[in-house]
Amino acid sequence: MSDFIAQTSALVFMLALIVLGIVVLGVGSEMSKRWLEHKEVMATALNAQAAEKAAQYAAQTERLEARVRVLERIATDGGSDLSREIEQLRTSPAPTALN
């Protein structure tokens, strides 16, 4: 009779360990899914920020290139009065910034 009780209690203990293992694996897998979803959301947000910064840098670069073209035109135009050109640029309305 004591062998039967010992075997039964060992069997119950093993079944409890198996059930506990299944529960732990289920909870762990759900936590992993949520963590991966969170990482995907964060990656999407970072990509959006990077794209916005890239657009801002591209707009700024375009504005600077336009200014350099004007300066090159002034510097290479031999027949123009440099001070008159500079004053004309100062009085003309500045391009609006995208920021």
PDB file of N, CA and C in Angstrom:
ATOM      1  N   MET A   1       0.806  -1.183   0.000  1.00  0.00           N
ATOM      2  CA  MET A   1       0.000   0.000   0.000  1.00  0.00           C
ATOM      3  C   MET A   1       0.860   1.263   0.000  1.00  0.00           C
ATOM      4  N   SER A   2       1.966   1.268   0.757  1.00  0.00           N
ATOM      5  CA  SER A   2       2.825   2.442   0.800  1.00  0.00           C
ATOM      6  C   SER A   2       3.534   2.636  -0.542  1.00  0.00           C
ATOM      7  N   ASP A   3       3.828   1.541  -1.259  1.00  0.00           N
ATOM      8  CA  ASP A   3       4.404   1.677  -2.605  1.00  0.00           C
ATOM      9  C   ASP A   3       3.417   2.341  -3.558  1.00  0.00           C
ATOM     10  N   PHE A   4       2.145   1.975  -3.420  1.00  0.00           N
ATOM     11  CA  PHE A   4       1.116   2.560  -4.257  1.00  0.00           C
ATOM     12  C   PHE A   4       0.989   4.061  -3.971  1.00  0.00           C
ATOM     13  N   ILE A   5       1.027   4.429  -2.711  1.00  0.00           N
ATOM     14  CA  ILE A   5       0.931   5.834  -2.331  1.00  0.00           C
ATOM     15  C   ILE A   5       2.157   6.596  -2.833  1.00  0.00           C
ATOM     16  N   ALA A   6       3.321   6.005  -2.714  1.00  0.00           N
ATOM     17  CA  ALA A   6       4.545   6.650  -3.179  1.00  0.00           C
ATOM     18  C   ALA A   6       4.513   6.831  -4.686  1.00  0.00           C
ATOM     19  N   GLN A   7       4.058   5.809  -5.401  1.00  0.00           N
ATOM     20  CA  GLN A   7       3.979   5.916  -6.854  1.00  0.00           C
ATOM     21  C   GLN A   7       2.933   6.945  -7.275  1.00  0.00           C
ATOM     22  N   THR A   8       1.806   6.960  -6.579  1.00  0.00           N
ATOM     23  CA  THR A   8       0.747   7.905  -6.899  1.00  0.00           C
ATOM     24  C   THR A   8       1.204   9.334  -6.631  1.00  0.00           C
ATOM     25  N   SER A   9       1.873   9.551  -5.499  1.00  0.00           N
ATOM     26  CA  SER A   9       2.331  10.896  -5.180  1.00  0.00           C
ATOM     27  C   SER A   9       3.424  11.337  -6.165  1.00  0.00           C
ATOM     28  N   ALA A  10       4.280  10.424  -6.597  1.00  0.00           N
ATOM     29  CA  ALA A  10       5.300  10.756  -7.590  1.00  0.00           C
ATOM     30  C   ALA A  10       4.643  11.089  -8.922  1.00  0.00           C
ATOM     31  N   LEU A  11       3.599  10.332  -9.271  1.00  0.00           N
ATOM     32  CA  LEU A  11       2.876  10.586 -10.508  1.00  0.00           C
ATOM     33  C   LEU A  11       2.169  11.952 -10.452  1.00  0.00           C
ATOM     34  N   VAL A  12       1.552  12.250  -9.325  1.00  0.00           N
ATOM     35  CA  VAL A  12       0.882  13.540  -9.153  1.00  0.00           C
ATOM     36  C   VAL A  12       1.915  14.669  -9.237  1.00  0.00           C
ATOM     37  N   PHE A  13       3.052  14.472  -8.599  1.00  0.00           N
ATOM     38  CA  PHE A  13       4.118  15.482  -8.645  1.00  0.00           C
ATOM     39  C   PHE A  13       4.594  15.701 -10.076  1.00  0.00           C
ATOM     40  N   MET A  14       4.784  14.665 -10.834  1.00  0.00           N
ATOM     41  CA  MET A  14       5.227  14.776 -12.224  1.00  0.00           C
ATOM     42  C   MET A  14       4.167  15.476 -13.074  1.00  0.00           C
ATOM     43  N   LEU A  15       2.900  15.131 -12.874  1.00  0.00           N
ATOM     44  CA  LEU A  15       1.834  15.791 -13.622  1.00  0.00           C
ATOM     45  C   LEU A  15       1.763  17.278 -13.265  1.00  0.00           C
ATOM     46  N   ALA A  16       1.963  17.606 -11.988  1.00  0.00           N
ATOM     47  CA  ALA A  16       1.956  19.005 -11.571  1.00  0.00           C
ATOM     48  C   ALA A  16       3.107  19.759 -12.236  1.00  0.00           C
ATOM     49  N   LEU A  17       4.275  19.140 -12.324  1.00  0.00           N
ATOM     50  CA  LEU A  17       5.415  19.763 -12.998  1.00  0.00           C
ATOM     51  C   LEU A  17       5.138  19.977 -14.482  1.00  0.00           C
ATOM     52  N   ILE A  18       4.509  19.017 -15.113  1.00  0.00           N
ATOM     53  CA  ILE A  18       4.182  19.126 -16.532  1.00  0.00           C
ATOM     54  C   ILE A  18       3.187  20.268 -16.747  1.00  0.00           C
ATOM     55  N   VAL A  19       2.147  20.327 -15.925  1.00  0.00           N
ATOM     56  CA  VAL A  19       1.148  21.399 -16.055  1.00  0.00           C
ATOM     57  C   VAL A  19       1.805  22.754 -15.793  1.00  0.00           C
ATOM     58  N   LEU A  20       2.638  22.832 -14.770  1.00  0.00           N
ATOM     59  CA  LEU A  20       3.343  24.064 -14.472  1.00  0.00           C
ATOM     60  C   LEU A  20       4.244  24.473 -15.640  1.00  0.00           C
ATOM     61  N   GLY A  21       4.921  23.523 -16.235  1.00  0.00           N
ATOM     62  CA  GLY A  21       5.773  23.805 -17.397  1.00  0.00           C
ATOM     63  C   GLY A  21       4.972  24.331 -18.566  1.00  0.00           C
ATOM     64  N   ILE A  22       3.803  23.757 -18.808  1.00  0.00           N
ATOM     65  CA  ILE A  22       2.946  24.219 -19.898  1.00  0.00           C
ATOM     66  C   ILE A  22       2.473  25.634 -19.642  1.00  0.00           C
ATOM     67  N   VAL A  23       2.091  25.932 -18.404  1.00  0.00           N
ATOM     68  CA  VAL A  23       1.643  27.282 -18.056  1.00  0.00           C
ATOM     69  C   VAL A  23       2.785  28.279 -18.232  1.00  0.00           C
ATOM     70  N   VAL A  24       3.970  27.935 -17.766  1.00  0.00           N
ATOM     71  CA  VAL A  24       5.119  28.834 -17.885  1.00  0.00           C
ATOM     72  C   VAL A  24       5.453  29.073 -19.352  1.00  0.00           C
ATOM     73  N   LEU A  25       5.424  28.037 -20.164  1.00  0.00           N
ATOM     74  CA  LEU A  25       5.693  28.211 -21.598  1.00  0.00           C
ATOM     75  C   LEU A  25       4.628  29.076 -22.259  1.00  0.00           C
ATOM     76  N   GLY A  26       3.378  28.905 -21.881  1.00  0.00           N
ATOM     77  CA  GLY A  26       2.306  29.717 -22.458  1.00  0.00           C
ATOM     78  C   GLY A  26       2.457  31.181 -22.099  1.00  0.00           C
ATOM     79  N   VAL A  27       2.732  31.453 -20.837  1.00  0.00           N
ATOM     80  CA  VAL A  27       2.916  32.832 -20.402  1.00  0.00           C
ATOM     81  C   VAL A  27       4.163  33.427 -21.061  1.00  0.00           C
ATOM     82  N   GLY A  28       5.221  32.646 -21.129  1.00  0.00           N
ATOM     83  CA  GLY A  28       6.455  33.123 -21.749  1.00  0.00           C
ATOM     84  C   GLY A  28       6.271  33.434 -23.222  1.00  0.00           C
ATOM     85  N   SER A  29       5.525  32.603 -23.921  1.00  0.00           N
ATOM     86  CA  SER A  29       5.308  32.863 -25.344  1.00  0.00           C
ATOM     87  C   SER A  29       4.457  34.110 -25.544  1.00  0.00           C
ATOM     88  N   GLU A  30       3.472  34.332 -24.681  1.00  0.00           N
ATOM     89  CA  GLU A  30       2.653  35.549 -24.784  1.00  0.00           C
ATOM     90  C   GLU A  30       3.490  36.793 -24.495  1.00  0.00           C
ATOM     91  N   MET A  31       4.367  36.704 -23.525  1.00  0.00           N
ATOM     92  CA  MET A  31       5.254  37.825 -23.232  1.00  0.00           C
ATOM     93  C   MET A  31       6.185  38.093 -24.414  1.00  0.00           C
ATOM     94  N   SER A  32       6.675  37.043 -25.033  1.00  0.00           N
ATOM     95  CA  SER A  32       7.547  37.210 -26.199  1.00  0.00           C
ATOM     96  C   SER A  32       6.802  37.875 -27.350  1.00  0.00           C
ATOM     97  N   LYS A  33       5.561  37.484 -27.575  1.00  0.00           N
ATOM     98  CA  LYS A  33       4.761  38.096 -28.641  1.00  0.00           C
ATOM     99  C   LYS A  33       4.577  39.579 -28.383  1.00  0.00           C
ATOM    100  N   ARG A  34       4.221  39.920 -27.160  1.00  0.00           N
ATOM    101  CA  ARG A  34       4.009  41.332 -26.830  1.00  0.00           C
ATOM    102  C   ARG A  34       5.304  42.127 -26.965  1.00  0.00           C
ATOM    103  N   TRP A  35       6.416  41.545 -26.549  1.00  0.00           N
ATOM    104  CA  TRP A  35       7.699  42.232 -26.658  1.00  0.00           C
ATOM    105  C   TRP A  35       8.049  42.481 -28.130  1.00  0.00           C
ATOM    106  N   LEU A  36       7.836  41.471 -28.974  1.00  0.00           N
ATOM    107  CA  LEU A  36       8.111  41.627 -30.404  1.00  0.00           C
ATOM    108  C   LEU A  36       7.194  42.681 -31.031  1.00  0.00           C
ATOM    109  N   GLU A  37       5.916  42.699 -30.642  1.00  0.00           N
ATOM    110  CA  GLU A  37       5.006  43.720 -31.157  1.00  0.00           C
ATOM    111  C   GLU A  37       5.470  45.114 -30.738  1.00  0.00           C
ATOM    112  N   HIS A  38       5.910  45.234 -29.499  1.00  0.00           N
ATOM    113  CA  HIS A  38       6.421  46.510 -29.006  1.00  0.00           C
ATOM    114  C   HIS A  38       7.648  46.935 -29.807  1.00  0.00           C
ATOM    115  N   LYS A  39       8.559  46.023 -30.062  1.00  0.00           N
ATOM    116  CA  LYS A  39       9.759  46.337 -30.833  1.00  0.00           C
ATOM    117  C   LYS A  39       9.390  46.768 -32.259  1.00  0.00           C
ATOM    118  N   GLU A  40       8.387  46.144 -32.855  1.00  0.00           N
ATOM    119  CA  GLU A  40       7.955  46.532 -34.194  1.00  0.00           C
ATOM    120  C   GLU A  40       7.380  47.945 -34.197  1.00  0.00           C
ATOM    121  N   VAL A  41       6.579  48.273 -33.181  1.00  0.00           N
ATOM    122  CA  VAL A  41       6.008  49.617 -33.081  1.00  0.00           C
ATOM    123  C   VAL A  41       7.124  50.638 -32.910  1.00  0.00           C
ATOM    124  N   MET A  42       8.097  50.330 -32.071  1.00  0.00           N
ATOM    125  CA  MET A  42       9.213  51.243 -31.851  1.00  0.00           C
ATOM    126  C   MET A  42      10.031  51.425 -33.127  1.00  0.00           C
ATOM    127  N   ALA A  43      10.261  50.351 -33.862  1.00  0.00           N
ATOM    128  CA  ALA A  43      11.018  50.436 -35.117  1.00  0.00           C
ATOM    129  C   ALA A  43      10.266  51.293 -36.135  1.00  0.00           C
ATOM    130  N   THR A  44       8.948  51.147 -36.199  1.00  0.00           N
ATOM    131  CA  THR A  44       8.140  51.956 -37.115  1.00  0.00           C
ATOM    132  C   THR A  44       8.227  53.427 -36.744  1.00  0.00           C
ATOM    133  N   ALA A  45       8.160  53.716 -35.440  1.00  0.00           N
ATOM    134  CA  ALA A  45       8.255  55.107 -34.989  1.00  0.00           C
ATOM    135  C   ALA A  45       9.632  55.689 -35.306  1.00  0.00           C
ATOM    136  N   LEU A  46      10.673  54.916 -35.092  1.00  0.00           N
ATOM    137  CA  LEU A  46      12.021  55.394 -35.396  1.00  0.00           C
ATOM    138  C   LEU A  46      12.207  55.622 -36.892  1.00  0.00           C
ATOM    139  N   ASN A  47      11.637  54.749 -37.709  1.00  0.00           N
ATOM    140  CA  ASN A  47      11.723  54.924 -39.160  1.00  0.00           C
ATOM    141  C   ASN A  47      11.006  56.197 -39.602  1.00  0.00           C
ATOM    142  N   ALA A  48       9.855  56.474 -38.992  1.00  0.00           N
ATOM    143  CA  ALA A  48       9.120  57.693 -39.337  1.00  0.00           C
ATOM    144  C   ALA A  48       9.925  58.923 -38.947  1.00  0.00           C
ATOM    145  N   GLN A  49      10.550  58.885 -37.774  1.00  0.00           N
ATOM    146  CA  GLN A  49      11.382  60.012 -37.348  1.00  0.00           C
ATOM    147  C   GLN A  49      12.565  60.203 -38.296  1.00  0.00           C
ATOM    148  N   ALA A  50      13.186  59.113 -38.684  1.00  0.00           N
ATOM    149  CA  ALA A  50      14.340  59.201 -39.585  1.00  0.00           C
ATOM    150  C   ALA A  50      13.923  59.759 -40.947  1.00  0.00           C
ATOM    151  N   ALA A  51      12.767  59.341 -41.442  1.00  0.00           N
ATOM    152  CA  ALA A  51      12.288  59.854 -42.728  1.00  0.00           C
ATOM    153  C   ALA A  51      11.988  61.347 -42.638  1.00  0.00           C
ATOM    154  N   GLU A  52      11.408  61.777 -41.508  1.00  0.00           N
ATOM    155  CA  GLU A  52      11.121  63.195 -41.337  1.00  0.00           C
ATOM    156  C   GLU A  52      12.407  64.015 -41.290  1.00  0.00           C
ATOM    157  N   LYS A  53      13.399  63.520 -40.563  1.00  0.00           N
ATOM    158  CA  LYS A  53      14.689  64.222 -40.496  1.00  0.00           C
ATOM    159  C   LYS A  53      15.335  64.276 -41.874  1.00  0.00           C
ATOM    160  N   ALA A  54      15.265  63.193 -42.624  1.00  0.00           N
ATOM    161  CA  ALA A  54      15.859  63.166 -43.963  1.00  0.00           C
ATOM    162  C   ALA A  54      15.186  64.195 -44.864  1.00  0.00           C
ATOM    163  N   ALA A  55      13.868  64.324 -44.754  1.00  0.00           N
ATOM    164  CA  ALA A  55      13.153  65.324 -45.561  1.00  0.00           C
ATOM    165  C   ALA A  55      13.566  66.738 -45.163  1.00  0.00           C
ATOM    166  N   GLN A  56      13.728  66.956 -43.860  1.00  0.00           N
ATOM    167  CA  GLN A  56      14.167  68.281 -43.405  1.00  0.00           C
ATOM    168  C   GLN A  56      15.564  68.597 -43.921  1.00  0.00           C
ATOM    169  N   TYR A  57      16.458  67.621 -43.843  1.00  0.00           N
ATOM    170  CA  TYR A  57      17.820  67.835 -44.336  1.00  0.00           C
ATOM    171  C   TYR A  57      17.834  68.067 -45.847  1.00  0.00           C
ATOM    172  N   ALA A  58      16.987  67.355 -46.576  1.00  0.00           N
ATOM    173  CA  ALA A  58      16.923  67.545 -48.026  1.00  0.00           C
ATOM    174  C   ALA A  58      16.424  68.948 -48.364  1.00  0.00           C
ATOM    175  N   ALA A  59      15.422  69.420 -47.632  1.00  0.00           N
ATOM    176  CA  ALA A  59      14.905  70.771 -47.882  1.00  0.00           C
ATOM    177  C   ALA A  59      15.959  71.815 -47.555  1.00  0.00           C
ATOM    178  N   GLN A  60      16.661  71.613 -46.458  1.00  0.00           N
ATOM    179  CA  GLN A  60      17.709  72.563 -46.084  1.00  0.00           C
ATOM    180  C   GLN A  60      18.827  72.562 -47.125  1.00  0.00           C
ATOM    181  N   THR A  61      19.198  71.391 -47.597  1.00  0.00           N
ATOM    182  CA  THR A  61      20.240  71.287 -48.620  1.00  0.00           C
ATOM    183  C   THR A  61      19.805  71.988 -49.904  1.00  0.00           C
ATOM    184  N   GLU A  62      18.541  71.832 -50.258  1.00  0.00           N
ATOM    185  CA  GLU A  62      18.029  72.489 -51.466  1.00  0.00           C
ATOM    186  C   GLU A  62      18.095  74.011 -51.328  1.00  0.00           C
ATOM    187  N   ARG A  63      17.717  74.521 -50.151  1.00  0.00           N
ATOM    188  CA  ARG A  63      17.795  75.973 -49.930  1.00  0.00           C
ATOM    189  C   ARG A  63      19.240  76.459 -50.010  1.00  0.00           C
ATOM    190  N   LEU A  64      20.155  75.718 -49.414  1.00  0.00           N
ATOM    191  CA  LEU A  64      21.568  76.120 -49.450  1.00  0.00           C
ATOM    192  C   LEU A  64      22.123  76.075 -50.867  1.00  0.00           C
ATOM    193  N   GLU A  65      21.742  75.062 -51.637  1.00  0.00           N
ATOM    194  CA  GLU A  65      22.202  74.974 -53.021  1.00  0.00           C
ATOM    195  C   GLU A  65      21.684  76.153 -53.839  1.00  0.00           C
ATOM    196  N   ALA A  66      20.448  76.571 -53.588  1.00  0.00           N
ATOM    197  CA  ALA A  66      19.903  77.724 -54.308  1.00  0.00           C
ATOM    198  C   ALA A  66      20.695  78.982 -53.969  1.00  0.00           C
ATOM    199  N   ARG A  67      21.049  79.133 -52.713  1.00  0.00           N
ATOM    200  CA  ARG A  67      21.839  80.302 -52.313  1.00  0.00           C
ATOM    201  C   ARG A  67      23.227  80.271 -52.951  1.00  0.00           C
ATOM    202  N   VAL A  68      23.832  79.091 -53.013  1.00  0.00           N
ATOM    203  CA  VAL A  68      25.159  78.973 -53.618  1.00  0.00           C
ATOM    204  C   VAL A  68      25.083  79.296 -55.107  1.00  0.00           C
ATOM    205  N   ARG A  69      24.010  78.851 -55.779  1.00  0.00           N
ATOM    206  CA  ARG A  69      23.854  79.179 -57.205  1.00  0.00           C
ATOM    207  C   ARG A  69      23.772  80.686 -57.415  1.00  0.00           C
ATOM    208  N   VAL A  70      23.046  81.377 -56.532  1.00  0.00           N
ATOM    209  CA  VAL A  70      22.948  82.837 -56.642  1.00  0.00           C
ATOM    210  C   VAL A  70      24.322  83.459 -56.447  1.00  0.00           C
ATOM    211  N   LEU A  71      25.040  82.996 -55.436  1.00  0.00           N
ATOM    212  CA  LEU A  71      26.376  83.545 -55.185  1.00  0.00           C
ATOM    213  C   LEU A  71      27.327  83.260 -56.346  1.00  0.00           C
ATOM    214  N   GLU A  72      27.250  82.068 -56.933  1.00  0.00           N
ATOM    215  CA  GLU A  72      28.089  81.750 -58.088  1.00  0.00           C
ATOM    216  C   GLU A  72      27.745  82.652 -59.272  1.00  0.00           C
ATOM    217  N   ARG A  73      26.458  82.914 -59.462  1.00  0.00           N
ATOM    218  CA  ARG A  73      26.044  83.785 -60.567  1.00  0.00           C
ATOM    219  C   ARG A  73      26.575  85.189 -60.353  1.00  0.00           C
ATOM    220  N   ILE A  74      26.497  85.669 -59.120  1.00  0.00           N
ATOM    221  CA  ILE A  74      26.995  87.014 -58.825  1.00  0.00           C
ATOM    222  C   ILE A  74      28.507  87.061 -59.023  1.00  0.00           C
ATOM    223  N   ALA A  75      29.203  86.053 -58.540  1.00  0.00           N
ATOM    224  CA  ALA A  75      30.669  86.053 -58.605  1.00  0.00           C
ATOM    225  C   ALA A  75      31.181  85.914 -60.034  1.00  0.00           C
ATOM    226  N   THR A  76      30.455  85.204 -60.878  1.00  0.00           N
ATOM    227  CA  THR A  76      30.942  84.970 -62.237  1.00  0.00           C
ATOM    228  C   THR A  76      30.424  85.979 -63.245  1.00  0.00           C
ATOM    229  N   ASP A  77      29.447  86.790 -62.866  1.00  0.00           N
ATOM    230  CA  ASP A  77      28.900  87.795 -63.773  1.00  0.00           C
ATOM    231  C   ASP A  77      29.810  89.018 -63.740  1.00  0.00           C
ATOM    232  N   GLY A  78      30.647  89.136 -64.741  1.00  0.00           N
ATOM    233  CA  GLY A  78      31.643  90.204 -64.774  1.00  0.00           C
ATOM    234  C   GLY A  78      31.074  91.583 -65.022  1.00  0.00           C
ATOM    235  N   GLY A  79      29.935  91.719 -65.689  1.00  0.00           N
ATOM    236  CA  GLY A  79      29.407  93.019 -66.035  1.00  0.00           C
ATOM    237  C   GLY A  79      28.500  93.623 -64.979  1.00  0.00           C
ATOM    238  N   SER A  80      28.266  92.972 -63.875  1.00  0.00           N
ATOM    239  CA  SER A  80      27.308  93.495 -62.901  1.00  0.00           C
ATOM    240  C   SER A  80      28.000  94.182 -61.739  1.00  0.00           C
ATOM    241  N   ASP A  81      27.271  95.024 -61.122  1.00  0.00           N
ATOM    242  CA  ASP A  81      27.769  95.732 -59.954  1.00  0.00           C
ATOM    243  C   ASP A  81      27.464  94.860 -58.734  1.00  0.00           C
ATOM    244  N   LEU A  82      28.500  94.368 -58.087  1.00  0.00           N
ATOM    245  CA  LEU A  82      28.344  93.398 -57.005  1.00  0.00           C
ATOM    246  C   LEU A  82      27.542  93.968 -55.849  1.00  0.00           C
ATOM    247  N   SER A  83      27.818  95.170 -55.441  1.00  0.00           N
ATOM    248  CA  SER A  83      27.095  95.735 -54.291  1.00  0.00           C
ATOM    249  C   SER A  83      25.612  95.920 -54.618  1.00  0.00           C
ATOM    250  N   ARG A  84      25.299  96.263 -55.866  1.00  0.00           N
ATOM    251  CA  ARG A  84      23.893  96.414 -56.262  1.00  0.00           C
ATOM    252  C   ARG A  84      23.173  95.070 -56.189  1.00  0.00           C
ATOM    253  N   GLU A  85      23.810  94.025 -56.638  1.00  0.00           N
ATOM    254  CA  GLU A  85      23.223  92.682 -56.594  1.00  0.00           C
ATOM    255  C   GLU A  85      22.979  92.231 -55.156  1.00  0.00           C
ATOM    256  N   ILE A  86      23.948  92.505 -54.283  1.00  0.00           N
ATOM    257  CA  ILE A  86      23.811  92.092 -52.883  1.00  0.00           C
ATOM    258  C   ILE A  86      22.655  92.842 -52.236  1.00  0.00           C
ATOM    259  N   GLU A  87      22.551  94.119 -52.466  1.00  0.00           N
ATOM    260  CA  GLU A  87      21.455  94.906 -51.901  1.00  0.00           C
ATOM    261  C   GLU A  87      20.111  94.439 -52.445  1.00  0.00           C
ATOM    262  N   GLN A  88      20.078  94.078 -53.710  1.00  0.00           N
ATOM    263  CA  GLN A  88      18.839  93.584 -54.304  1.00  0.00           C
ATOM    264  C   GLN A  88      18.428  92.272 -53.637  1.00  0.00           C
ATOM    265  N   LEU A  89      19.385  91.427 -53.340  1.00  0.00           N
ATOM    266  CA  LEU A  89      19.071  90.168 -52.656  1.00  0.00           C
ATOM    267  C   LEU A  89      18.635  90.426 -51.219  1.00  0.00           C
ATOM    268  N   ARG A  90      19.193  91.399 -50.571  1.00  0.00           N
ATOM    269  CA  ARG A  90      18.798  91.710 -49.191  1.00  0.00           C
ATOM    270  C   ARG A  90      17.378  92.231 -49.136  1.00  0.00           C
ATOM    271  N   THR A  91      16.956  92.990 -50.123  1.00  0.00           N
ATOM    272  CA  THR A  91      15.619  93.574 -50.104  1.00  0.00           C
ATOM    273  C   THR A  91      14.561  92.637 -50.631  1.00  0.00           C
ATOM    274  N   SER A  92      14.947  91.617 -51.377  1.00  0.00           N
ATOM    275  CA  SER A  92      13.948  90.673 -51.888  1.00  0.00           C
ATOM    276  C   SER A  92      13.477  89.781 -50.743  1.00  0.00           C
ATOM    277  N   PRO A  93      12.215  89.323 -50.802  1.00  0.00           N
ATOM    278  CA  PRO A  93      11.701  88.491 -49.718  1.00  0.00           C
ATOM    279  C   PRO A  93      12.460  87.171 -49.647  1.00  0.00           C
ATOM    280  N   ALA A  94      12.769  86.761 -48.406  1.00  0.00           N
ATOM    281  CA  ALA A  94      13.487  85.511 -48.193  1.00  0.00           C
ATOM    282  C   ALA A  94      12.541  84.347 -48.411  1.00  0.00           C
ATOM    283  N   PRO A  95      13.061  83.222 -48.911  1.00  0.00           N
ATOM    284  CA  PRO A  95      12.212  82.035 -49.065  1.00  0.00           C
ATOM    285  C   PRO A  95      11.759  81.558 -47.693  1.00  0.00           C
ATOM    286  N   THR A  96      10.535  81.068 -47.630  1.00  0.00           N
ATOM    287  CA  THR A  96       9.994  80.611 -46.350  1.00  0.00           C
ATOM    288  C   THR A  96      10.639  79.293 -45.968  1.00  0.00           C
ATOM    289  N   ALA A  97      10.905  79.159 -44.686  1.00  0.00           N
ATOM    290  CA  ALA A  97      11.515  77.934 -44.164  1.00  0.00           C
ATOM    291  C   ALA A  97      10.429  76.902 -43.940  1.00  0.00           C
ATOM    292  N   LEU A  98      10.776  75.649 -44.133  1.00  0.00           N
ATOM    293  CA  LEU A  98       9.829  74.544 -43.936  1.00  0.00           C
ATOM    294  C   LEU A  98       9.763  74.106 -42.479  1.00  0.00           C
ATOM    295  N   ASN A  99      10.655  74.598 -41.646  1.00  0.00           N
ATOM    296  CA  ASN A  99      10.690  74.171 -40.246  1.00  0.00           C
ATOM    297  C   ASN A  99       9.564  74.762 -39.486  1.00  0.00           C
TER     298      ASN A  99
END
